[in-house]
Every structure is written in C-alpha cells, then in structure tokens.
C-alpha cells in the first residue's frame, strides 16, 4: 500500500478507529515537524512492500483527542492496529529497520 501523503482533514473518533477492520497504521504528527518529515521516506519504503495496510496521517497537537487516547507524546508516533486492537508502536523512528520492526513485531 502506498503511504498517505496528506493529513486527514478531521480526526476520526476513537470509536471509528476501533471499529475499522484489518490492518491500520495511524501516524500521529504534524506537517511542519522535522522528525515527521525525516520519517516520510522510510515509511513510504516500508509501506510499499506491505499490502493490505491502511495508513492514516493524523495531525496531532493541543486539544486533539485521538492522540491523547493513544497516549501520544512525541512525533511521529506510529500505532499499528489489527481489527481495532493495538499490535505494535514505534515512536520517533530514525531508520527503516525501526519501522519494519513495527510490522514484524505485529506479525509475531
């Protein structure tokens, strides 16, 4: 699956996220965040080899409930869900291997 380039215009409700079937990768961050921008090509590469994963970029920040419900404190934070259940998480990855480990740990 290809990486979603745009942040969703309105963050979905936690209930909506929990009800989504299949593999879902949530990316919490901000379009101006240097750590988020550095992770983009790594995530793009990792997702290109993974079929069936839906990717949502969620702009996070003060007053954003979805990020708080996932206890997001640093950007980017990637949360991999399977049928609404958290399977793995990666916070501020700096290498392709760290992002691939996110998927590997969920498959184990």
Protein backbone atom coordinates (compact mmCIF):
# COMPACT_ATOMS: atom_id res chain seq x y z
CA UNK A 1 0.00 0.00 0.00
CA UNK A 2 1.16 3.49 -0.71
CA UNK A 3 1.70 5.99 2.02
CA UNK A 4 -0.96 8.61 2.57
CA UNK A 5 0.71 11.97 1.94
CA UNK A 6 -1.98 14.23 3.41
CA UNK A 7 -3.11 14.51 7.00
CA UNK A 8 -6.78 13.70 7.40
CA UNK A 9 -8.77 16.95 7.48
CA UNK A 10 -10.75 15.94 10.59
CA UNK A 11 -9.50 13.44 13.10
CA UNK A 12 -11.79 10.43 13.32
CA UNK A 13 -13.42 9.50 16.60
CA UNK A 14 -11.72 6.79 18.63
CA UNK A 15 -14.82 4.62 18.20
CA UNK A 16 -14.43 4.85 14.41
CA UNK A 17 -10.77 3.81 14.62
CA UNK A 18 -11.55 0.92 16.97
CA UNK A 19 -14.23 -0.37 14.57
CA UNK A 20 -12.01 -0.36 11.45
CA UNK A 21 -11.35 -3.88 10.17
CA UNK A 22 -7.96 -5.13 9.08
CA UNK A 23 -4.52 -3.61 9.49
CA UNK A 24 -4.47 0.12 10.16
CA UNK A 25 -1.36 2.23 10.67
CA UNK A 26 -2.00 5.51 12.45
CA UNK A 27 0.69 8.13 12.10
CA UNK A 28 0.47 10.96 14.62
CA UNK A 29 2.50 14.06 13.82
CA UNK A 30 2.41 17.48 12.20
CA UNK A 31 3.23 18.66 8.66
CA UNK A 32 5.93 21.03 9.95
CA UNK A 33 7.60 18.54 12.34
CA UNK A 34 11.21 17.82 11.26
CA UNK A 35 11.12 14.32 12.79
CA UNK A 36 7.93 13.56 10.86
CA UNK A 37 9.43 14.84 7.62
CA UNK A 38 12.55 12.72 8.15
CA UNK A 39 10.44 9.58 8.68
CA UNK A 40 8.37 10.06 5.49
CA UNK A 41 10.72 8.32 3.02
CA UNK A 42 11.34 5.48 5.47
CA UNK A 43 7.64 4.89 5.96
CA UNK A 44 6.98 5.18 2.24
CA UNK A 45 9.55 2.46 1.56
CA UNK A 46 8.19 0.17 4.29
CA UNK A 47 4.56 0.55 3.22
CA UNK A 48 5.38 -0.08 -0.44
CA UNK A 49 6.13 -3.68 0.50
CA UNK A 50 3.07 -4.22 2.70
CA UNK A 51 -0.26 -4.95 1.06
CA UNK A 52 -3.48 -4.59 2.96
CA UNK A 53 -2.35 -1.91 5.43
CA UNK A 54 -4.45 1.25 5.58
CA UNK A 55 -2.41 4.32 6.54
CA UNK A 56 -3.91 7.40 8.17
CA UNK A 57 -1.89 10.51 8.95
CA UNK A 58 -3.42 12.27 11.92
CA UNK A 59 -2.32 15.82 12.69
CA UNK A 60 -1.75 15.87 16.41
CA UNK A 61 -1.45 18.72 18.87
CA UNK A 62 -3.02 20.51 21.79
CA UNK A 63 -6.71 19.72 22.12
CA UNK A 64 -6.59 16.73 19.79
CA UNK A 65 -8.43 13.88 21.47
CA UNK A 66 -7.40 10.96 19.30
CA UNK A 67 -3.70 11.40 20.02
CA UNK A 68 -4.41 11.69 23.74
CA UNK A 69 -6.49 8.49 23.65
CA UNK A 70 -3.38 6.71 22.31
CA UNK A 71 -1.08 8.47 24.84
CA UNK A 72 0.95 10.15 22.09
CA UNK A 73 3.70 12.37 23.50
CA UNK A 74 6.33 12.57 20.72
CA UNK A 75 6.07 12.85 16.95
CA UNK A 76 5.92 10.93 14.86
CA UNK A 77 4.24 8.11 16.72
CA UNK A 78 3.12 5.13 14.64
CA UNK A 79 0.44 2.84 16.05
CA UNK A 80 -0.34 -0.37 14.18
CA UNK A 81 -3.80 -1.76 14.83
CA UNK A 82 -5.35 -5.02 13.71
CA UNK A 83 -9.15 -5.02 13.82
CA UNK A 84 -9.09 -2.13 16.29
CA UNK A 85 -6.54 -3.68 18.67
CA UNK A 86 -3.08 -2.16 19.07
CA UNK A 87 -0.44 -4.66 17.94
CA UNK A 88 2.70 -2.52 17.83
CA UNK A 89 4.00 1.02 18.24
CA UNK A 90 7.05 2.99 17.17
CA UNK A 91 7.94 6.43 18.49
CA UNK A 92 10.20 8.74 16.52
CA UNK A 93 11.88 6.03 14.39
CA UNK A 94 15.16 7.03 12.75
CA UNK A 95 15.77 4.08 10.45
CA UNK A 96 13.94 1.85 8.02
CA UNK A 97 14.74 -1.09 10.29
CA UNK A 98 12.86 0.54 13.19
CA UNK A 99 9.76 0.98 11.03
CA UNK A 100 9.98 -2.54 9.63
CA UNK A 101 10.32 -3.84 13.20
CA UNK A 102 6.92 -2.28 13.89
CA UNK A 103 5.34 -4.55 11.28
CA UNK A 104 7.49 -7.55 12.23
CA UNK A 105 6.51 -7.39 15.88
CA UNK A 106 2.83 -7.24 14.95
CA UNK A 107 3.18 -10.38 12.83
CA UNK A 108 4.93 -12.37 15.56
